[in-house]
């Protein structure tokens, strides 16, 4: 077995580092843009007087970063060449996401907005596999031009992980779908032009078959963004949405009628492995910073690093970080060579362990740094608040653990 990172990926990491220093760090430092990353970050990013959504200045900075990354050929690295990408592998994307997260907070990779010089774009496969030619032309091109921004509406007030029990319904009326229901934590709606609404169009509650994905323009009559949920990590783009007799043409459906949940699952494995890789990188950053601080901090006449109470928890975290890293790399490599459902349990292992790891590492970093670690002048509270959500969103850790158990005990055999 070869555990060496391929030479082309190693070379790319060096190119990314050079690009960050030459084009991204100067942008981060000019015009006091550092306010979005230092102790002022939450206030600088959040428009508290307008529902807690991201400030326009913050999103404009992210847009400029993406323009520079795209011009340099990095932003679309992981997507197919026919869409301007470089066909980056899952292994490469995992290594890159870890590498960038291990650098700490910065404009190069701020996962609060899933924003990075190497973009993730998990919906590409969904559009490519299920979209009509008209939908592909509109939404794939619009994704990069900024003409269309699509939100994702699956979760409801009464249903999160139990997505097969959705109460939102869509009924066919001639050449239109009529939609009624509610959505919660409907991400991206502060700026979205369209919303992917998952609604039951047929079948029984509790059955995956019969749920469809319908693309709804956000300016459609009856579509209401009621308010934004303020979250542990601000700003927010997580809306509460009501749909009352919303009418859209039948051509607004994405994919086949009744196959909406299979559609949603097409990108989850790749997305989850990249989240896991980012968690490993952020955890490593917290560990590294804690070690450096402990070596220079003098207490009772000696460096803090001489205390076993400091050494041992960090040594345990470093050990787990190494184990999770290797599992993430191996699973990402397998995603490149096998059908994703063959290793769904391994993806689940990576996701839930990495998300726990980074939260534990951030908490330990706060403890090692003492009082200063508890302040917002250190990055650890921000890292914790951000990554804590991944233990819930896009499949809670309980759902991930259940998936592992399903494979172990042959309880179910998903096919999507």
Protein backbone atom coordinates (compact mmCIF):
# COMPACT_ATOMS: atom_id res chain seq x y z
CA UNK A 1 0.00 0.00 0.00
CA UNK A 2 1.22 3.48 -0.88
CA UNK A 3 0.47 6.15 1.71
CA UNK A 4 2.29 8.94 -0.10
CA UNK A 5 0.18 11.88 -1.25
CA UNK A 6 0.46 11.91 -5.08
CA UNK A 7 3.09 14.31 -6.38
CA UNK A 8 0.61 16.36 -8.41
CA UNK A 9 -1.46 17.07 -5.30
CA UNK A 10 1.63 18.04 -3.29
CA UNK A 11 2.65 20.38 -6.10
CA UNK A 12 -0.83 21.92 -6.13
CA UNK A 13 -0.66 22.61 -2.37
CA UNK A 14 2.50 24.62 -2.97
CA UNK A 15 0.81 26.56 -5.75
CA UNK A 16 -2.15 27.31 -3.47
CA UNK A 17 0.19 28.54 -0.72
CA UNK A 18 1.95 30.85 -3.16
CA UNK A 19 -1.37 32.15 -4.48
CA UNK A 20 -2.63 32.86 -0.96
CA UNK A 21 0.47 34.87 -0.11
CA UNK A 22 0.52 36.78 -3.40
CA UNK A 23 -3.19 37.47 -4.02
CA UNK A 24 -5.36 36.61 -1.01
CA UNK A 25 -3.42 37.80 2.04
CA UNK A 26 -2.97 41.31 0.60
CA UNK A 27 -6.72 41.50 -0.03
CA UNK A 28 -7.37 40.27 3.50
CA UNK A 29 -5.19 43.04 4.94
CA UNK A 30 -6.30 46.00 2.79
CA UNK A 31 -9.11 48.41 3.74
CA UNK A 32 -9.26 46.90 7.25
CA UNK A 33 -10.64 43.66 5.81
CA UNK A 34 -8.91 41.92 8.70
CA UNK A 35 -11.95 43.01 10.76
CA UNK A 36 -13.79 40.04 9.26
CA UNK A 37 -11.27 37.65 10.84
CA UNK A 38 -10.03 39.22 14.09
CA UNK A 39 -11.97 39.76 17.33
CA UNK A 40 -14.50 41.93 15.44
CA UNK A 41 -15.39 39.16 13.00
CA UNK A 42 -18.92 38.32 14.13
CA UNK A 43 -20.05 41.94 14.25
CA UNK A 44 -18.23 42.82 11.01
CA UNK A 45 -19.91 39.97 9.16
CA UNK A 46 -23.42 40.29 10.59
CA UNK A 47 -26.11 42.83 9.68
CA UNK A 48 -27.84 42.72 13.05
CA UNK A 49 -30.31 45.42 12.05
CA UNK A 50 -31.49 43.45 9.00
CA UNK A 51 -32.39 40.06 10.39
CA UNK A 52 -28.86 38.93 11.18
CA UNK A 53 -27.97 38.16 7.55
CA UNK A 54 -24.43 38.60 6.17
CA UNK A 55 -23.35 42.20 5.61
CA UNK A 56 -22.99 43.19 1.98
CA UNK A 57 -19.37 44.21 2.54
CA UNK A 58 -18.54 40.72 3.83
CA UNK A 59 -20.14 38.98 0.87
CA UNK A 60 -18.50 41.43 -1.54
CA UNK A 61 -15.10 40.49 -0.10
CA UNK A 62 -15.86 36.80 -0.53
CA UNK A 63 -16.96 37.46 -4.12
CA UNK A 64 -13.68 39.22 -4.89
CA UNK A 65 -11.75 36.32 -3.40
CA UNK A 66 -13.65 33.88 -5.61
CA UNK A 67 -13.00 36.01 -8.70
CA UNK A 68 -9.27 35.95 -8.01
CA UNK A 69 -9.28 32.21 -7.31
CA UNK A 70 -11.28 31.51 -10.46
CA UNK A 71 -8.96 33.61 -12.60
CA UNK A 72 -6.01 31.67 -11.20
CA UNK A 73 -7.65 28.35 -12.06
CA UNK A 74 -8.21 27.13 -8.50
CA UNK A 75 -11.85 27.83 -7.66
CA UNK A 76 -13.33 25.16 -9.96
CA UNK A 77 -10.56 22.61 -9.40
CA UNK A 78 -12.87 19.84 -8.19
CA UNK A 79 -15.54 20.04 -10.91
CA UNK A 80 -15.62 18.54 -14.43
CA UNK A 81 -13.45 20.15 -17.09
CA UNK A 82 -16.48 20.81 -19.29
CA UNK A 83 -17.64 23.32 -16.67
CA UNK A 84 -14.27 24.99 -16.44
CA UNK A 85 -12.86 22.71 -13.75
CA UNK A 86 -9.85 20.42 -13.54
CA UNK A 87 -11.55 17.09 -12.71
CA UNK A 88 -10.02 17.09 -9.24
CA UNK A 89 -10.33 13.75 -7.46
CA UNK A 90 -12.03 13.17 -4.12
CA UNK A 91 -8.65 12.37 -2.60
CA UNK A 92 -7.22 15.64 -3.89
CA UNK A 93 -10.18 17.61 -2.58
CA UNK A 94 -9.88 16.00 0.86
CA UNK A 95 -6.16 16.78 1.07
CA UNK A 96 -6.75 20.35 -0.11
CA UNK A 97 -9.62 21.02 2.29
CA UNK A 98 -7.57 19.72 5.21
CA UNK A 99 -4.52 21.74 4.16
CA UNK A 100 -6.45 25.00 3.89
CA UNK A 101 -8.33 24.51 7.17
CA UNK A 102 -5.06 23.77 8.98
CA UNK A 103 -3.96 27.33 8.19
CA UNK A 104 -6.59 28.73 10.55
CA UNK A 105 -9.00 31.58 9.96
CA UNK A 106 -8.58 33.60 6.80
CA UNK A 107 -10.03 34.71 3.51
CA UNK A 108 -8.43 31.70 1.81
CA UNK A 109 -10.89 29.30 3.43
CA UNK A 110 -13.80 30.48 5.54
CA UNK A 111 -16.21 27.60 5.95
CA UNK A 112 -18.88 29.67 7.65
CA UNK A 113 -20.07 30.48 4.13
CA UNK A 114 -18.58 27.32 2.58
CA UNK A 115 -16.25 29.80 0.89
CA UNK A 116 -12.78 28.81 -0.24
CA UNK A 117 -10.22 29.43 -2.96
CA UNK A 118 -10.97 25.83 -3.95
CA UNK A 119 -14.74 25.63 -4.16
CA UNK A 120 -16.83 22.65 -3.13
CA UNK A 121 -19.93 23.02 -5.38
CA UNK A 122 -21.76 19.88 -4.19
CA UNK A 123 -24.78 20.51 -6.41
CA UNK A 124 -22.85 20.12 -9.69
CA UNK A 125 -23.54 16.39 -9.87
CA UNK A 126 -27.17 16.95 -9.00
CA UNK A 127 -27.69 19.35 -11.92
CA UNK A 128 -25.61 17.23 -14.26
CA UNK A 129 -27.34 13.94 -13.47
CA UNK A 130 -30.93 15.12 -13.09
CA UNK A 131 -31.29 18.52 -14.73
CA UNK A 132 -32.86 19.16 -18.11
CA UNK A 133 -30.67 20.84 -20.70
CA UNK A 134 -32.49 24.11 -20.02
CA UNK A 135 -31.93 23.75 -16.28
CA UNK A 136 -28.26 22.96 -16.77
CA UNK A 137 -27.75 26.00 -18.97
CA UNK A 138 -29.55 28.25 -16.50
CA UNK A 139 -28.22 27.05 -13.18
CA UNK A 140 -24.73 25.73 -13.91
CA UNK A 141 -23.72 28.86 -15.81
CA UNK A 142 -25.61 31.03 -13.33
CA UNK A 143 -23.75 29.48 -10.39
CA UNK A 144 -20.49 31.03 -11.52
CA UNK A 145 -21.82 34.21 -13.13
CA UNK A 146 -23.93 35.06 -10.09
CA UNK A 147 -27.11 35.35 -12.15
CA UNK A 148 -28.79 32.51 -10.26
CA UNK A 149 -28.35 31.45 -6.65
CA UNK A 150 -30.21 28.35 -5.52
CA UNK A 151 -31.17 27.62 -1.91
CA UNK A 152 -31.94 24.17 -0.49
CA UNK A 153 -35.28 23.54 1.24
CA UNK A 154 -35.54 20.09 2.82
CA UNK A 155 -35.87 20.49 6.61
CA UNK A 156 -39.28 21.41 8.06
CA UNK A 157 -40.51 22.62 11.45
CA UNK A 158 -41.57 19.08 12.39
CA UNK A 159 -39.07 17.07 10.36
CA UNK A 160 -35.29 17.12 10.08
CA UNK A 161 -33.47 13.80 9.74
CA UNK A 162 -36.84 12.06 9.24
CA UNK A 163 -37.11 13.53 5.75
CA UNK A 164 -39.44 10.82 4.49
CA UNK A 165 -42.18 12.31 6.67
CA UNK A 166 -42.26 15.71 4.99
CA UNK A 167 -45.54 17.59 5.37
CA UNK A 168 -44.98 19.94 2.44
CA UNK A 169 -47.18 18.76 -0.42
CA UNK A 170 -47.25 19.49 -4.15
CA UNK A 171 -50.38 18.68 -6.18
CA UNK A 172 -50.56 18.59 -9.96
CA UNK A 173 -53.07 21.04 -11.47
CA UNK A 174 -52.91 20.85 -15.24
CA UNK A 175 -49.52 22.15 -16.35
CA UNK A 176 -48.61 23.42 -12.88
CA UNK A 177 -47.59 22.18 -9.47
CA UNK A 178 -49.35 23.79 -6.50
CA UNK A 179 -47.20 23.70 -3.36
CA UNK A 180 -48.23 24.17 0.27
CA UNK A 181 -46.05 23.75 3.33
CA UNK A 182 -43.23 25.14 5.46
CA UNK A 183 -39.46 24.87 5.50
CA UNK A 184 -37.00 25.53 8.31
CA UNK A 185 -33.27 26.30 8.18
CA UNK A 186 -33.76 26.88 4.46
CA UNK A 187 -30.17 27.96 3.80
CA UNK A 188 -29.12 30.71 1.42
CA UNK A 189 -32.42 32.53 1.13
CA UNK A 190 -31.12 35.97 2.01
CA UNK A 191 -29.80 36.19 -1.56
CA UNK A 192 -31.27 33.23 -3.47
CA UNK A 193 -33.08 33.63 -6.78
CA UNK A 194 -34.52 30.10 -6.57
CA UNK A 195 -35.21 27.50 -3.92
CA UNK A 196 -35.10 23.71 -4.23
CA UNK A 197 -38.29 22.68 -2.47
CA UNK A 198 -38.65 19.03 -1.52
CA UNK A 199 -42.31 18.10 -1.32
CA UNK A 200 -44.40 14.95 -1.30
CA UNK A 201 -46.14 14.49 -4.64
CA UNK A 202 -47.31 10.88 -4.08
CA UNK A 203 -46.85 7.88 -1.83
CA UNK A 204 -47.21 7.33 1.89
CA UNK A 205 -45.60 9.09 4.86
CA UNK A 206 -42.34 7.42 5.81
CA UNK A 207 -41.59 6.24 2.27
CA UNK A 208 -38.72 7.75 0.31
CA UNK A 209 -40.50 7.20 -2.98
CA UNK A 210 -42.95 9.97 -3.76
CA UNK A 211 -40.92 12.99 -2.62
CA UNK A 212 -39.97 15.32 -5.46
CA UNK A 213 -37.66 18.30 -5.90
CA UNK A 214 -39.25 21.40 -7.42
CA UNK A 215 -37.30 24.55 -8.29
CA UNK A 216 -39.26 27.58 -7.12
CA UNK A 217 -38.31 31.18 -7.98
CA UNK A 218 -38.21 33.07 -4.70
CA UNK A 219 -40.32 35.90 -6.13
CA UNK A 220 -43.25 33.56 -6.85
CA UNK A 221 -46.60 34.58 -5.34
CA UNK A 222 -47.24 32.73 -2.09
CA UNK A 223 -43.53 32.14 -1.35
CA UNK A 224 -42.73 33.88 1.94
CA UNK A 225 -39.43 34.21 3.81
CA UNK A 226 -40.84 34.73 7.30
CA UNK A 227 -37.63 35.31 9.27
CA UNK A 228 -34.05 34.17 9.70
CA UNK A 229 -33.03 31.88 12.53
CA UNK A 230 -30.22 33.40 14.59
CA UNK A 231 -27.70 30.66 15.20
CA UNK A 232 -24.73 29.77 17.41
CA UNK A 233 -22.49 31.04 14.63
CA UNK A 234 -23.56 34.34 13.06
CA UNK A 235 -24.31 35.72 10.50
CA UNK A 236 -27.26 33.58 9.44
CA UNK A 237 -28.81 32.66 6.12
CA UNK A 238 -31.14 30.02 7.56
CA UNK A 239 -34.72 31.00 6.79
CA UNK A 240 -38.16 29.97 7.96
CA UNK A 241 -40.27 29.70 4.80
CA UNK A 242 -43.99 29.39 4.16
CA UNK A 243 -45.42 28.25 0.82
CA UNK A 244 -49.12 28.95 0.32
CA UNK A 245 -50.67 27.90 -2.99
CA UNK A 246 -47.35 28.46 -4.76
CA UNK A 247 -47.72 27.69 -8.46
CA UNK A 248 -44.87 26.72 -10.76
CA UNK A 249 -44.87 24.98 -14.17
CA UNK A 250 -44.37 21.23 -14.34
CA UNK A 251 -41.01 21.88 -16.01
CA UNK A 252 -39.79 23.26 -12.68
CA UNK A 253 -39.29 19.75 -11.35
CA UNK A 254 -35.69 18.58 -11.07
CA UNK A 255 -35.33 14.95 -12.03
CA UNK A 256 -38.10 12.38 -12.10
CA UNK A 257 -41.26 12.76 -10.06
CA UNK A 258 -40.97 10.93 -6.75
CA UNK A 259 -37.17 10.57 -6.81
CA UNK A 260 -36.31 13.73 -4.90
CA UNK A 261 -34.53 12.12 -1.95
CA UNK A 262 -32.33 10.01 -4.21
CA UNK A 263 -31.46 13.23 -6.00
CA UNK A 264 -30.52 14.94 -2.73
CA UNK A 265 -28.27 12.04 -1.80
CA UNK A 266 -26.18 12.21 -4.97
CA UNK A 267 -23.75 14.71 -3.52
CA UNK A 268 -23.86 13.92 0.21
CA UNK A 269 -20.97 11.47 0.32
CA UNK A 270 -18.54 13.76 -1.44
CA UNK A 271 -19.73 16.70 0.64
CA UNK A 272 -19.43 14.82 3.91
CA UNK A 273 -15.92 13.56 3.24
CA UNK A 274 -14.83 17.13 2.48
CA UNK A 275 -16.43 18.39 5.67
CA UNK A 276 -14.56 15.66 7.54
CA UNK A 277 -11.28 16.69 5.92
CA UNK A 278 -11.87 20.30 6.93
CA UNK A 279 -12.56 19.15 10.47
CA UNK A 280 -9.25 17.30 10.60
CA UNK A 281 -7.42 20.37 9.32
CA UNK A 282 -9.06 22.72 11.81
CA UNK A 283 -8.39 20.24 14.63
CA UNK A 284 -4.72 20.08 13.65
CA UNK A 285 -4.56 23.87 13.70
CA UNK A 286 -5.97 23.96 17.24
CA UNK A 287 -3.49 21.31 18.39
CA UNK A 288 -0.52 23.05 16.77
CA UNK A 289 -1.41 26.43 18.26
CA UNK A 290 -1.85 24.86 21.69
CA UNK A 291 1.56 23.20 21.54
CA UNK A 292 3.25 26.45 20.51
CA UNK A 293 1.52 28.40 23.26
CA UNK A 294 2.35 25.79 25.90
CA UNK A 295 6.02 25.93 24.93
CA UNK A 296 6.28 29.70 25.35
CA UNK A 297 3.92 30.21 28.29
CA UNK A 298 5.80 30.21 31.61
CA UNK A 299 3.93 29.20 34.77
CA UNK A 300 5.49 28.65 38.19
CA UNK A 301 8.89 29.20 36.61
CA UNK A 302 8.57 26.55 33.89
CA UNK A 303 7.03 26.25 30.42
CA UNK A 304 3.43 25.11 30.50
CA UNK A 305 4.45 22.32 28.12
CA UNK A 306 6.28 20.51 30.95
CA UNK A 307 2.96 19.69 32.63
CA UNK A 308 1.53 16.26 31.89
CA UNK A 309 -1.94 17.73 32.36
CA UNK A 310 -1.22 19.78 29.24
CA UNK A 311 0.77 17.15 27.31
CA UNK A 312 -1.53 14.18 27.60
CA UNK A 313 -4.83 15.61 26.32
CA UNK A 314 -3.00 17.11 23.34
CA UNK A 315 -1.17 13.83 22.71
CA UNK A 316 -4.51 12.01 22.70
CA UNK A 317 -5.97 14.54 20.27
CA UNK A 318 -2.93 14.27 18.00
CA UNK A 319 -3.28 10.49 17.98
CA UNK A 320 -6.94 10.67 17.01
CA UNK A 321 -6.20 13.36 14.43
CA UNK A 322 -3.70 11.05 12.74
CA UNK A 323 -6.15 8.14 12.77
CA UNK A 324 -9.07 10.13 11.40
CA UNK A 325 -6.85 11.74 8.75
CA UNK A 326 -5.81 8.35 7.40
CA UNK A 327 -9.41 7.12 7.36
CA UNK A 328 -10.51 10.27 5.51
CA UNK A 329 -7.77 9.87 2.90
CA UNK A 330 -8.51 6.16 2.42
CA UNK A 331 -12.26 6.78 2.12
CA UNK A 332 -11.77 9.65 -0.30
CA UNK A 333 -9.53 7.41 -2.43
CA UNK A 334 -12.20 4.71 -2.38
CA UNK A 335 -14.81 7.25 -3.50
CA UNK A 336 -12.68 7.71 -6.60
CA UNK A 337 -12.60 3.96 -7.32
CA UNK A 338 -15.87 2.47 -6.06
CA UNK A 339 -19.60 3.17 -6.11
CA UNK A 340 -20.28 5.57 -3.27
CA UNK A 341 -22.86 3.30 -1.60
CA UNK A 342 -20.23 0.57 -1.18
CA UNK A 343 -18.47 2.73 1.38
CA UNK A 344 -21.31 4.78 2.82
CA UNK A 345 -20.50 3.45 6.31
CA UNK A 346 -16.88 4.61 5.97
CA UNK A 347 -18.03 8.08 4.92
CA UNK A 348 -20.30 8.14 7.98
CA UNK A 349 -17.39 7.14 10.24
CA UNK A 350 -15.23 9.94 8.82
CA UNK A 351 -17.96 12.53 9.16
CA UNK A 352 -19.04 11.94 12.73
CA UNK A 353 -15.56 11.32 14.15
CA UNK A 354 -13.98 14.32 12.43
CA UNK A 355 -16.78 16.63 13.55
CA UNK A 356 -16.37 15.49 17.15
CA UNK A 357 -12.59 15.73 16.88
CA UNK A 358 -12.50 19.38 15.83
CA UNK A 359 -14.96 20.38 18.57
CA UNK A 360 -12.85 18.60 21.16
CA UNK A 361 -9.65 20.14 19.80
CA UNK A 362 -11.11 23.66 19.83
CA UNK A 363 -12.36 23.17 23.39
CA UNK A 364 -8.95 21.90 24.49
CA UNK A 365 -7.22 24.83 22.79
CA UNK A 366 -9.41 27.22 24.77
CA UNK A 367 -8.45 25.38 27.97
CA UNK A 368 -4.70 25.35 27.21
CA UNK A 369 -4.72 29.06 26.39
CA UNK A 370 -6.62 29.82 29.60
CA UNK A 371 -8.39 33.14 29.88
CA UNK A 372 -6.99 34.46 26.63
CA UNK A 373 -8.29 31.34 24.90
CA UNK A 374 -11.82 32.21 25.98
CA UNK A 375 -11.65 35.61 24.29
CA UNK A 376 -12.57 36.38 20.71
CA UNK A 377 -9.03 37.63 20.18
CA UNK A 378 -8.21 33.94 19.75
CA UNK A 379 -9.82 31.93 16.91
CA UNK A 380 -10.87 28.88 18.88
CA UNK A 381 -14.37 29.95 19.88
CA UNK A 382 -15.12 30.71 16.23
CA UNK A 383 -13.80 27.32 15.12
CA UNK A 384 -15.88 25.58 17.76
CA UNK A 385 -19.06 27.48 16.94
CA UNK A 386 -18.68 26.81 13.24
CA UNK A 387 -17.85 23.13 13.34
CA UNK A 388 -20.36 22.33 16.08
CA UNK A 389 -23.15 22.66 13.51
CA UNK A 390 -21.77 19.80 11.44
CA UNK A 391 -22.62 17.41 14.25
CA UNK A 392 -26.26 18.18 13.38
CA UNK A 393 -26.57 19.39 9.79
CA UNK A 394 -26.57 17.22 6.67
CA UNK A 395 -27.03 14.10 8.76
CA UNK A 396 -26.56 14.34 12.52
CA UNK A 397 -23.86 12.25 14.15
CA UNK A 398 -26.60 9.93 15.38
CA UNK A 399 -27.69 9.37 11.77
CA UNK A 400 -24.08 8.72 10.77
CA UNK A 401 -23.62 6.20 13.58
CA UNK A 402 -26.90 4.54 12.60
CA UNK A 403 -25.57 4.13 9.06
CA UNK A 404 -22.49 2.33 10.38
CA UNK A 405 -24.73 0.04 12.44
CA UNK A 406 -26.98 -0.63 9.44
CA UNK A 407 -24.01 -1.98 7.51
CA UNK A 408 -22.62 -3.91 10.47
CA UNK A 409 -25.91 -5.67 11.18
CA UNK A 410 -27.19 -5.81 7.58
CA UNK A 411 -30.30 -3.92 8.66
CA UNK A 412 -30.85 -2.15 5.36
CA UNK A 413 -29.36 -1.91 1.90
CA UNK A 414 -29.84 1.52 0.30
CA UNK A 415 -29.49 1.68 -3.47
CA UNK A 416 -29.23 5.41 -4.21
